[in-house]
């Protein structure tokens, strides 16, 4: 087997009155993410991890925020496109691991739904998708409730 590991990172600013999408799930909140797309910072980091594993650039290159085509797009569409690119090169996902840093709201009640949603879009078993949430104990821009940051790692494999 041949293996590749990719790492992704994304951050979005929070603003009152916008929807909050994380891991393909709308989270009940009065705050949401400022973005060209739906702002799903978790999916954006995951896409970058998948693309990074294969040295295929990042989602900003593939889906530029200067294009009307991607205005307001559901980030699950972006993830499905990235997965198509990954599979077209003969790769499959071993596993993915996502860490979300957000002060509020609490994400624990939504983690299982995020995992199953992401697994469904990626076409993999849910036991290959890890989603974890943390706060920053009120430190930094995340702790002040100004934004969210997400790190993602993806392991890809294919037969030689």
Protein backbone atom coordinates (compact mmCIF):
# COMPACT_ATOMS: atom_id res chain seq x y z
CA UNK A 1 0.00 0.00 0.00
CA UNK A 2 1.01 3.58 -0.60
CA UNK A 3 -0.01 6.23 1.95
CA UNK A 4 -0.32 10.00 1.96
CA UNK A 5 -1.14 12.34 4.84
CA UNK A 6 -2.60 15.81 4.42
CA UNK A 7 -3.21 18.57 6.92
CA UNK A 8 -5.77 21.36 6.58
CA UNK A 9 -6.53 24.51 8.54
CA UNK A 10 -9.23 27.12 8.17
CA UNK A 11 -10.65 30.00 10.15
CA UNK A 12 -13.80 32.09 9.79
CA UNK A 13 -15.05 35.16 11.55
CA UNK A 14 -18.33 35.00 13.47
CA UNK A 15 -21.11 37.53 12.99
CA UNK A 16 -24.59 37.92 14.47
CA UNK A 17 -27.51 36.81 12.31
CA UNK A 18 -25.68 34.41 9.98
CA UNK A 19 -26.24 30.63 9.86
CA UNK A 20 -23.65 28.38 11.48
CA UNK A 21 -22.70 25.33 9.44
CA UNK A 22 -20.12 22.89 10.81
CA UNK A 23 -19.35 19.43 9.48
CA UNK A 24 -22.30 19.65 7.12
CA UNK A 25 -24.75 20.32 9.96
CA UNK A 26 -26.56 23.55 10.75
CA UNK A 27 -25.87 24.36 14.39
CA UNK A 28 -28.49 26.37 16.32
CA UNK A 29 -26.82 29.68 17.12
CA UNK A 30 -27.41 33.42 16.90
CA UNK A 31 -23.92 33.70 15.36
CA UNK A 32 -22.70 32.32 12.04
CA UNK A 33 -19.65 32.45 9.80
CA UNK A 34 -18.72 35.28 7.46
CA UNK A 35 -17.87 33.59 4.16
CA UNK A 36 -18.38 33.52 0.41
CA UNK A 37 -19.81 29.99 0.64
CA UNK A 38 -21.92 28.66 3.53
CA UNK A 39 -18.82 29.12 5.70
CA UNK A 40 -18.49 25.51 6.89
CA UNK A 41 -15.01 25.94 8.29
CA UNK A 42 -14.79 22.22 9.23
CA UNK A 43 -15.46 21.04 5.69
CA UNK A 44 -13.07 23.66 4.31
CA UNK A 45 -10.23 22.40 6.53
CA UNK A 46 -11.10 18.80 5.62
CA UNK A 47 -11.02 19.58 1.90
CA UNK A 48 -7.61 21.21 2.31
CA UNK A 49 -6.33 18.13 4.17
CA UNK A 50 -7.54 15.81 1.40
CA UNK A 51 -6.11 18.03 -1.34
CA UNK A 52 -2.88 18.53 0.58
CA UNK A 53 -2.30 14.79 0.85
CA UNK A 54 -2.10 14.67 -2.94
CA UNK A 55 -0.36 18.04 -3.44
CA UNK A 56 -3.42 19.33 -5.31
CA UNK A 57 -3.48 22.83 -3.84
CA UNK A 58 -6.33 24.10 -1.70
CA UNK A 59 -10.02 24.88 -1.94
CA UNK A 60 -9.32 28.58 -2.49
CA UNK A 61 -7.59 27.61 -5.74
CA UNK A 62 -10.31 25.19 -6.88
CA UNK A 63 -13.32 27.18 -5.64
CA UNK A 64 -12.23 30.85 -5.52
CA UNK A 65 -14.20 33.28 -3.41
CA UNK A 66 -14.06 35.71 -6.31
CA UNK A 67 -16.36 33.47 -8.39
CA UNK A 68 -20.13 33.91 -8.35
CA UNK A 69 -20.39 30.17 -9.10
CA UNK A 70 -19.44 29.39 -5.49
CA UNK A 71 -21.40 32.20 -3.78
CA UNK A 72 -23.43 30.66 -0.95
CA UNK A 73 -22.57 27.11 -2.03
CA UNK A 74 -23.23 24.25 0.37
CA UNK A 75 -19.74 23.12 1.39
CA UNK A 76 -20.85 19.48 1.12
CA UNK A 77 -20.82 20.10 -2.65
CA UNK A 78 -17.17 21.15 -2.40
CA UNK A 79 -16.31 18.06 -0.33
CA UNK A 80 -18.04 15.77 -2.83
CA UNK A 81 -16.06 17.37 -5.66
CA UNK A 82 -12.78 16.97 -3.78
CA UNK A 83 -13.60 13.32 -3.05
CA UNK A 84 -14.25 12.77 -6.75
CA UNK A 85 -10.80 14.13 -7.51
CA UNK A 86 -9.21 11.93 -4.83
CA UNK A 87 -10.94 8.79 -6.14
CA UNK A 88 -10.18 9.61 -9.78
CA UNK A 89 -6.50 9.22 -8.91
CA UNK A 90 -7.08 5.82 -7.32
CA UNK A 91 -6.91 6.93 -3.68
CA UNK A 92 -9.26 6.08 -0.84
CA UNK A 93 -9.65 7.60 2.60
CA UNK A 94 -8.07 5.66 5.46
CA UNK A 95 -9.40 8.08 8.05
CA UNK A 96 -9.89 11.76 8.80
CA UNK A 97 -9.54 13.61 12.10
CA UNK A 98 -11.01 17.09 12.65
CA UNK A 99 -10.59 19.41 15.64
CA UNK A 100 -12.92 22.41 15.95
CA UNK A 101 -12.02 25.30 18.28
CA UNK A 102 -15.14 27.34 19.10
CA UNK A 103 -16.03 29.02 22.37
CA UNK A 104 -19.81 28.77 21.91
CA UNK A 105 -22.16 27.11 21.28
CA UNK A 106 -21.26 23.70 22.71
CA UNK A 107 -20.85 21.19 19.90
CA UNK A 108 -20.98 17.87 21.79
CA UNK A 109 -24.68 17.29 20.96
CA UNK A 110 -23.88 17.62 17.23
CA UNK A 111 -20.67 15.60 16.89
CA UNK A 112 -22.30 12.27 15.92
CA UNK A 113 -24.46 13.98 13.30
CA UNK A 114 -21.39 15.74 11.87
CA UNK A 115 -19.51 12.44 11.70
CA UNK A 116 -22.33 10.63 9.91
CA UNK A 117 -22.94 13.55 7.54
CA UNK A 118 -19.29 13.80 6.57
CA UNK A 119 -18.98 10.02 6.20
CA UNK A 120 -22.03 10.01 3.92
CA UNK A 121 -20.67 12.76 1.67
CA UNK A 122 -17.26 11.08 1.53
CA UNK A 123 -18.71 7.61 0.95
CA UNK A 124 -16.83 6.04 3.86
CA UNK A 125 -17.75 4.32 7.11
CA UNK A 126 -18.45 6.63 10.03
CA UNK A 127 -15.75 4.93 12.10
CA UNK A 128 -13.21 6.53 9.76
CA UNK A 129 -14.36 10.05 10.67
CA UNK A 130 -13.30 11.70 13.93
CA UNK A 131 -14.69 15.09 14.95
CA UNK A 132 -13.61 16.72 18.20
CA UNK A 133 -14.54 20.09 19.67
CA UNK A 134 -12.75 22.29 22.15
CA UNK A 135 -12.82 25.82 23.48
CA UNK A 136 -9.81 28.03 24.01
CA UNK A 137 -10.75 28.82 27.62
CA UNK A 138 -11.65 32.39 26.59
CA UNK A 139 -8.19 33.04 25.14
CA UNK A 140 -7.55 34.68 21.75
CA UNK A 141 -10.05 35.51 19.01
CA UNK A 142 -11.80 32.15 19.45
CA UNK A 143 -12.13 32.67 23.19
CA UNK A 144 -13.55 36.15 22.67
CA UNK A 145 -16.24 34.68 20.39
CA UNK A 146 -14.90 36.42 17.29
CA UNK A 147 -14.28 33.33 15.20
CA UNK A 148 -13.70 29.62 14.82
CA UNK A 149 -10.65 27.68 13.73
CA UNK A 150 -10.42 24.10 12.56
CA UNK A 151 -7.57 21.66 11.96
CA UNK A 152 -8.03 18.50 9.89
CA UNK A 153 -5.81 15.56 9.01
CA UNK A 154 -6.52 13.00 6.31
CA UNK A 155 -4.83 9.69 5.63
CA UNK A 156 -5.19 8.44 2.06
CA UNK A 157 -4.13 5.04 0.74
CA UNK A 158 -4.01 3.07 -2.49
CA UNK A 159 -2.69 -0.25 -3.65
CA UNK A 160 0.62 -0.28 -5.47
